[in-house]
């Protein structure tokens, strides 16, 4: 199959129109509750991080505020990494360098852009608007990534139900931003 043909087929697989399942079987594993709780803490932390960084940026430079956030966060993550991997000894670095795609090593750039932008915009747009817009962007991008199975993610097509959820999310953010 040609590259163009493969791309067209990937787009066809990306969006699936299906009937909503009213009595769908939902399975819950034992860790679901803990996973959801920790993800909620993480989500709350991103909102708090933006508000705190935004407040600091009104007293000092916004770029420095974002850098300081990354520096402190990097220290905490380094301590976790050192404990979790016995100082890096539990990682096969050669194998990782040979097998991981080049783009895997650059994820911090996206995180840095996120922290910088929320730090700069929250002081005059507000935490709710900035968080809402970034959450919409996260959901749209995530739906795109899942639909095309980018970056090793499992393939989860954009169903009408998922697209409706995105539309409701966007409507909610507009209500918060314009209200």
Protein backbone atom coordinates (compact mmCIF):
# COMPACT_ATOMS: atom_id res chain seq x y z
CA UNK A 1 0.00 0.00 0.00
CA UNK A 2 1.30 3.46 -0.83
CA UNK A 3 1.94 6.06 1.84
CA UNK A 4 -1.06 8.04 0.63
CA UNK A 5 -3.24 4.95 0.70
CA UNK A 6 -2.08 4.07 4.21
CA UNK A 7 -2.83 7.60 5.38
CA UNK A 8 -6.32 7.55 3.88
CA UNK A 9 -6.97 4.16 5.50
CA UNK A 10 -5.76 5.50 8.87
CA UNK A 11 -8.20 8.41 8.55
CA UNK A 12 -11.05 6.03 7.74
CA UNK A 13 -10.19 3.97 10.81
CA UNK A 14 -9.96 7.11 12.94
CA UNK A 15 -13.66 7.93 12.95
CA UNK A 16 -16.23 5.22 13.53
CA UNK A 17 -19.94 5.88 13.46
CA UNK A 18 -21.60 3.40 15.77
CA UNK A 19 -24.76 3.11 17.74
CA UNK A 20 -24.47 4.03 21.41
CA UNK A 21 -24.58 0.93 23.60
CA UNK A 22 -27.19 1.43 26.28
CA UNK A 23 -26.51 -1.78 28.21
CA UNK A 24 -22.79 -2.02 27.57
CA UNK A 25 -20.84 -4.18 29.96
CA UNK A 26 -18.44 -2.04 31.96
CA UNK A 27 -15.59 -3.76 33.70
CA UNK A 28 -13.83 -2.27 36.69
CA UNK A 29 -10.49 -3.56 37.79
CA UNK A 30 -9.31 -3.40 41.39
CA UNK A 31 -7.07 -0.40 40.79
CA UNK A 32 -9.62 1.79 39.04
CA UNK A 33 -10.66 3.67 42.19
CA UNK A 34 -7.07 4.45 43.16
CA UNK A 35 -6.17 5.41 39.58
CA UNK A 36 -9.10 7.82 39.35
CA UNK A 37 -8.29 9.33 42.76
CA UNK A 38 -4.63 9.90 41.83
CA UNK A 39 -5.58 11.33 38.44
CA UNK A 40 -7.98 13.73 40.18
CA UNK A 41 -5.15 14.82 42.48
CA UNK A 42 -2.96 15.32 39.40
CA UNK A 43 -5.67 17.38 37.71
CA UNK A 44 -6.10 19.51 40.81
CA UNK A 45 -2.33 19.98 40.95
CA UNK A 46 -2.25 21.34 37.39
CA UNK A 47 -4.92 23.91 38.27
CA UNK A 48 -3.06 24.88 41.45
CA UNK A 49 0.28 24.98 39.63
CA UNK A 50 -1.09 27.41 37.08
CA UNK A 51 -2.61 29.68 39.70
CA UNK A 52 0.55 29.66 41.85
CA UNK A 53 2.88 30.23 38.89
CA UNK A 54 0.60 32.97 37.59
CA UNK A 55 0.66 34.73 40.95
CA UNK A 56 4.45 34.51 41.10
CA UNK A 57 4.74 35.85 37.54
CA UNK A 58 3.02 39.08 38.62
CA UNK A 59 5.88 39.68 41.08
CA UNK A 60 8.77 38.50 38.92
CA UNK A 61 9.32 37.60 35.28
CA UNK A 62 6.89 35.02 33.84
CA UNK A 63 9.70 33.03 32.23
CA UNK A 64 11.55 32.78 35.54
CA UNK A 65 8.38 31.71 37.30
CA UNK A 66 7.89 28.89 34.77
CA UNK A 67 11.56 27.88 35.06
CA UNK A 68 11.39 27.83 38.84
CA UNK A 69 8.33 25.58 38.67
CA UNK A 70 10.22 23.16 36.43
CA UNK A 71 13.35 23.31 38.60
CA UNK A 72 11.47 22.43 41.79
CA UNK A 73 9.40 19.80 39.99
CA UNK A 74 12.56 18.33 38.44
CA UNK A 75 14.15 17.98 41.85
CA UNK A 76 11.10 16.15 43.24
CA UNK A 77 10.99 13.88 40.17
CA UNK A 78 14.73 13.21 40.45
CA UNK A 79 14.28 12.02 44.04
CA UNK A 80 11.40 9.75 42.92
CA UNK A 81 13.48 8.47 39.99
CA UNK A 82 16.46 7.72 42.25
CA UNK A 83 14.31 5.74 44.68
CA UNK A 84 12.24 3.99 42.01
CA UNK A 85 15.19 2.86 39.85
CA UNK A 86 17.88 2.46 42.50
CA UNK A 87 19.70 5.48 41.12
CA UNK A 88 19.11 4.47 37.51
CA UNK A 89 20.61 0.99 37.91
CA UNK A 90 17.28 -0.68 37.13
CA UNK A 91 17.22 0.85 33.62
CA UNK A 92 18.93 -0.68 30.60
CA UNK A 93 20.12 2.61 29.12
CA UNK A 94 21.76 1.11 26.01
CA UNK A 95 18.64 -0.78 25.07
CA UNK A 96 16.48 2.28 25.68
CA UNK A 97 18.76 4.47 23.54
CA UNK A 98 18.63 1.96 20.69
CA UNK A 99 14.94 1.05 20.76
CA UNK A 100 13.05 4.19 21.82
CA UNK A 101 12.00 6.45 18.94
CA UNK A 102 13.77 9.82 18.84
CA UNK A 103 10.60 11.75 19.69
CA UNK A 104 10.17 9.89 23.00
CA UNK A 105 13.02 11.86 24.51
CA UNK A 106 11.48 15.30 23.82
CA UNK A 107 8.24 15.16 25.84
CA UNK A 108 9.54 17.79 28.26
CA UNK A 109 9.27 20.44 25.55
CA UNK A 110 5.49 20.11 25.54
CA UNK A 111 5.43 20.29 29.34
CA UNK A 112 7.63 23.38 29.32
CA UNK A 113 5.36 25.10 26.79
CA UNK A 114 2.31 24.25 28.90
CA UNK A 115 3.83 25.60 32.13
CA UNK A 116 5.10 28.76 30.41
CA UNK A 117 1.76 29.53 28.74
CA UNK A 118 -0.38 28.99 31.82
CA UNK A 119 2.06 31.08 33.85
CA UNK A 120 1.79 33.94 31.38
CA UNK A 121 -1.98 33.84 30.77
CA UNK A 122 -3.57 33.05 34.15
CA UNK A 123 -2.85 36.46 35.74
CA UNK A 124 -5.08 38.27 33.24
CA UNK A 125 -7.37 35.55 31.84
CA UNK A 126 -8.09 33.72 35.10
CA UNK A 127 -7.44 30.16 36.20
CA UNK A 128 -10.85 28.79 35.12
CA UNK A 129 -10.65 30.11 31.56
CA UNK A 130 -7.02 29.11 31.03
CA UNK A 131 -7.56 25.67 32.56
CA UNK A 132 -10.74 25.15 30.54
CA UNK A 133 -9.12 26.09 27.25
CA UNK A 134 -6.08 23.91 27.93
CA UNK A 135 -8.30 20.98 28.95
CA UNK A 136 -10.25 21.35 25.69
CA UNK A 137 -6.98 21.38 23.77
CA UNK A 138 -5.81 18.30 25.70
CA UNK A 139 -9.03 16.43 24.93
CA UNK A 140 -9.04 17.35 21.24
CA UNK A 141 -5.39 16.43 20.83
CA UNK A 142 -5.85 13.21 22.82
CA UNK A 143 -8.85 12.23 20.70
CA UNK A 144 -6.75 12.81 17.58
CA UNK A 145 -3.83 10.80 18.99
CA UNK A 146 -6.10 7.91 20.03
CA UNK A 147 -8.01 7.95 16.74
CA UNK A 148 -4.84 7.59 14.68
CA UNK A 149 -2.98 5.50 17.28
CA UNK A 150 -0.04 7.92 17.34
CA UNK A 151 2.92 7.55 19.70
CA UNK A 152 2.18 3.92 20.49
CA UNK A 153 -1.27 4.61 21.95
CA UNK A 154 -4.01 2.05 21.53
CA UNK A 155 -6.41 2.71 18.69
CA UNK A 156 -9.67 4.19 20.00
CA UNK A 157 -11.73 5.66 17.16
CA UNK A 158 -13.52 8.97 17.47
CA UNK A 159 -17.10 7.77 17.89
CA UNK A 160 -20.09 10.07 17.77
CA UNK A 161 -20.41 9.74 21.54
CA UNK A 162 -16.79 10.81 22.07
CA UNK A 163 -17.20 13.72 19.63
CA UNK A 164 -20.38 14.78 21.44
CA UNK A 165 -18.44 14.75 24.72
CA UNK A 166 -15.82 17.07 23.20
CA UNK A 167 -18.59 19.37 21.94
CA UNK A 168 -20.11 19.52 25.44
CA UNK A 169 -16.68 20.25 26.91
CA UNK A 170 -16.17 23.13 24.48
CA UNK A 171 -19.66 24.46 25.27
CA UNK A 172 -18.85 24.32 28.98
CA UNK A 173 -15.62 26.24 28.53
CA UNK A 174 -17.40 28.87 26.46
CA UNK A 175 -19.99 29.27 29.23
CA UNK A 176 -17.22 29.70 31.83
CA UNK A 177 -15.24 32.10 29.62
CA UNK A 178 -18.19 34.25 28.56
CA UNK A 179 -20.23 34.03 31.77
